[in-house]
N, C-alpha and C. Protein backbone atom coordinates (compact mmCIF):
# COMPACT_ATOMS: atom_id res chain seq x y z
N MET A 1 75.37 101.25 -10.91
CA MET A 1 76.76 101.66 -10.08
C MET A 1 77.67 100.52 -10.20
N ALA A 2 79.10 100.74 -9.85
CA ALA A 2 79.84 99.74 -9.92
C ALA A 2 80.16 99.34 -8.31
N ALA A 3 80.56 97.93 -8.06
CA ALA A 3 80.91 97.71 -7.00
C ALA A 3 81.97 97.85 -6.31
N PRO A 4 82.55 98.83 -5.13
CA PRO A 4 83.44 99.22 -4.45
C PRO A 4 84.57 98.15 -4.89
N LYS A 5 85.65 98.76 -5.60
CA LYS A 5 86.85 97.58 -5.21
C LYS A 5 87.65 97.11 -3.97
N GLN A 6 87.68 96.09 -4.08
CA GLN A 6 88.37 95.66 -2.42
C GLN A 6 89.70 95.46 -3.05
N ALA A 7 90.81 95.43 -1.63
CA ALA A 7 92.04 95.18 -1.87
C ALA A 7 92.28 93.69 -1.92
N ILE A 8 93.36 93.24 -2.77
CA ILE A 8 93.51 91.90 -3.07
C ILE A 8 94.63 91.44 -2.22
N ILE A 9 94.43 90.62 -1.14
CA ILE A 9 95.44 90.15 -0.57
C ILE A 9 95.97 88.62 -0.80
N PRO A 10 97.18 88.67 -1.26
CA PRO A 10 97.96 87.50 -2.23
C PRO A 10 97.70 86.40 -1.08
N THR A 11 97.66 85.18 -1.39
CA THR A 11 97.67 84.01 -0.33
C THR A 11 99.63 83.76 -0.18
N TYR A 12 100.00 83.77 -1.57
CA TYR A 12 101.11 83.41 -1.59
C TYR A 12 102.63 84.87 -1.60
N MET A 13 103.47 85.47 -1.00
CA MET A 13 104.33 86.17 -1.56
C MET A 13 105.77 85.63 -1.64
N GLY A 14 106.64 86.07 -2.26
CA GLY A 14 107.95 85.89 -2.44
C GLY A 14 108.85 86.50 -1.50
N ARG A 15 109.82 86.13 -1.18
CA ARG A 15 110.93 86.27 -0.30
C ARG A 15 110.67 87.83 0.05
N THR A 16 111.19 88.27 -1.10
CA THR A 16 111.48 90.21 -0.74
C THR A 16 110.07 90.45 -0.34
N GLU A 17 109.42 90.17 -1.02
CA GLU A 17 108.06 90.74 -0.53
C GLU A 17 107.21 90.72 0.58
N VAL A 18 107.55 89.65 1.53
CA VAL A 18 107.31 89.24 2.50
C VAL A 18 108.17 89.48 3.41
N ALA A 19 109.38 89.87 3.19
CA ALA A 19 110.30 90.57 4.25
C ALA A 19 110.28 91.81 4.27
N ARG A 20 109.96 92.80 3.22
CA ARG A 20 109.46 94.12 2.91
C ARG A 20 108.39 94.21 3.64
N HIS A 21 107.33 93.80 3.74
CA HIS A 21 105.97 93.82 4.14
C HIS A 21 106.11 93.39 5.32
N HIS A 22 107.17 92.90 6.38
CA HIS A 22 106.97 92.56 7.80
C HIS A 22 108.23 92.96 8.39
N GLY A 23 109.11 93.98 7.41
CA GLY A 23 110.13 94.78 8.13
C GLY A 23 111.51 93.73 8.26
N ILE A 24 111.70 93.09 7.68
CA ILE A 24 112.47 91.95 8.26
C ILE A 24 113.54 92.13 6.97
N SER A 25 114.72 91.81 6.76
CA SER A 25 115.55 92.18 5.68
C SER A 25 115.69 90.74 5.22
N PRO A 26 115.08 90.65 3.43
CA PRO A 26 115.49 89.35 2.18
C PRO A 26 116.73 88.63 2.97
N SER A 27 117.91 89.24 3.60
CA SER A 27 118.85 88.45 3.60
C SER A 27 118.87 87.66 5.02
N LYS A 28 118.07 88.41 5.94
CA LYS A 28 117.85 87.03 7.00
C LYS A 28 117.30 86.51 7.16
N LEU A 29 116.15 86.56 6.52
CA LEU A 29 115.24 85.35 5.84
C LEU A 29 115.95 84.35 5.57
N GLU A 30 116.63 84.86 4.36
CA GLU A 30 117.24 83.72 3.70
C GLU A 30 117.99 82.96 4.42
N LYS A 31 118.98 83.16 5.68
CA LYS A 31 119.83 82.74 6.75
C LYS A 31 119.20 82.09 7.58
N LEU A 32 117.96 82.32 8.05
CA LEU A 32 117.05 81.49 8.81
C LEU A 32 116.37 80.39 8.03
N ASP A 33 116.37 80.11 6.72
CA ASP A 33 115.82 79.33 5.70
C ASP A 33 116.68 78.46 5.84
N ALA A 34 118.34 78.97 5.80
CA ALA A 34 119.34 77.96 5.22
C ALA A 34 119.74 76.80 6.68
N LYS A 35 119.29 77.82 7.76
CA LYS A 35 119.58 77.68 8.88
C LYS A 35 118.08 76.37 9.44
N GLY A 36 117.12 76.24 8.52
CA GLY A 36 116.49 75.42 8.98
C GLY A 36 115.28 75.96 10.13
N LYS A 37 115.46 77.25 10.58
CA LYS A 37 114.77 78.32 11.11
C LYS A 37 113.64 78.87 10.88
N GLY A 38 113.81 78.78 9.55
CA GLY A 38 112.59 80.34 8.72
C GLY A 38 111.22 79.81 9.13
N PRO A 39 109.97 80.70 8.49
CA PRO A 39 108.85 80.01 8.46
C PRO A 39 108.81 78.81 7.17
N PRO A 40 107.44 78.19 7.29
CA PRO A 40 107.63 77.46 6.12
C PRO A 40 107.14 77.57 4.98
N ARG A 41 107.80 76.99 3.61
CA ARG A 41 107.82 77.74 2.25
C ARG A 41 107.78 76.83 1.28
N ILE A 42 107.45 76.93 0.17
CA ILE A 42 107.37 76.12 -0.87
C ILE A 42 108.10 76.85 -2.14
N GLN A 43 108.92 75.88 -3.00
CA GLN A 43 109.59 76.17 -3.96
C GLN A 43 108.92 76.28 -5.33
N TYR A 44 108.73 77.33 -6.24
CA TYR A 44 108.24 77.23 -7.44
C TYR A 44 109.35 77.66 -8.27
N GLY A 45 109.85 76.91 -8.91
CA GLY A 45 111.18 76.96 -10.08
C GLY A 45 112.23 77.32 -9.11
N ARG A 46 112.51 78.63 -9.25
CA ARG A 46 113.96 79.19 -8.33
C ARG A 46 113.47 79.86 -7.53
N LYS A 47 111.94 80.22 -7.38
CA LYS A 47 111.39 81.13 -6.53
C LYS A 47 110.65 80.63 -4.95
N PHE A 48 111.36 81.28 -3.61
CA PHE A 48 110.43 80.66 -2.42
C PHE A 48 109.35 81.80 -2.42
N LEU A 49 108.59 80.85 -1.93
CA LEU A 49 106.88 81.34 -1.71
C LEU A 49 106.47 80.67 -0.39
N TYR A 50 105.92 82.22 0.40
CA TYR A 50 105.36 81.79 1.90
C TYR A 50 104.27 81.88 1.72
N HIS A 51 103.42 81.07 2.42
CA HIS A 51 102.08 81.22 2.51
C HIS A 51 101.72 82.08 3.29
N VAL A 52 101.19 83.70 3.25
CA VAL A 52 100.53 84.81 4.25
C VAL A 52 100.28 84.47 5.97
N GLU A 53 99.34 83.53 5.90
CA GLU A 53 98.72 83.40 6.78
C GLU A 53 99.91 82.24 7.72
N LYS A 54 100.51 81.64 7.17
CA LYS A 54 101.88 80.63 7.81
C LYS A 54 102.40 81.54 8.39
N PHE A 55 103.17 82.40 7.41
CA PHE A 55 104.50 83.43 7.60
C PHE A 55 103.98 84.15 9.41
N GLN A 56 102.89 84.74 8.97
CA GLN A 56 102.33 85.78 10.40
C GLN A 56 102.28 84.66 11.55
N ALA A 57 101.62 83.63 11.08
CA ALA A 57 101.81 82.94 12.58
C ALA A 57 103.06 82.19 13.20
N TRP A 58 104.07 82.11 12.26
CA TRP A 58 105.46 81.90 12.10
C TRP A 58 106.42 83.05 13.18
N LEU A 59 105.80 84.18 12.45
CA LEU A 59 106.56 85.27 13.15
C LEU A 59 106.03 85.67 14.55
N GLU A 60 104.76 85.76 14.85
CA GLU A 60 104.21 85.66 16.28
C GLU A 60 104.80 84.48 17.10
N ALA A 61 104.85 83.50 16.95
CA ALA A 61 105.11 82.48 17.50
C ALA A 61 107.22 82.56 17.85
N ASN A 62 107.40 83.57 16.75
CA ASN A 62 108.84 83.68 16.95
C ASN A 62 109.21 85.06 17.42
N SER A 63 108.33 85.87 18.04
CA SER A 63 109.01 87.07 18.16
C SER A 63 108.89 87.22 19.74
N LYS A 64 109.40 88.13 20.32
CA LYS A 64 109.35 88.33 21.78
C LYS A 64 109.23 89.86 22.33
N GLU A 65 108.50 89.99 23.31
CA GLU A 65 107.72 91.41 23.48
C GLU A 65 108.94 92.02 24.18
N VAL A 66 109.20 93.28 23.79
CA VAL A 66 110.17 93.84 24.48
C VAL A 66 109.58 94.75 25.68
N ALA A 67 110.38 94.96 26.47
CA ALA A 67 109.95 95.95 27.80
C ALA A 67 110.03 97.36 27.10
N SER A 68 109.41 98.23 27.63
CA SER A 68 109.63 99.84 27.31
C SER A 68 110.23 100.42 28.42
């Protein structure tokens, strides 16, 4: 009997992937990066990559709670 497959969570995601996954537009993320206010990232060739856990920590630190 084969072991059940587990979902693979990538360590790094590209700008479009991480933006789509977290409900942010890629252009908004690019603008934040240009201002130096975006999440930590690395550059690999022409592509910017975000460490998923660091992105989530940045998102939590820069989010506001909205009263309902």
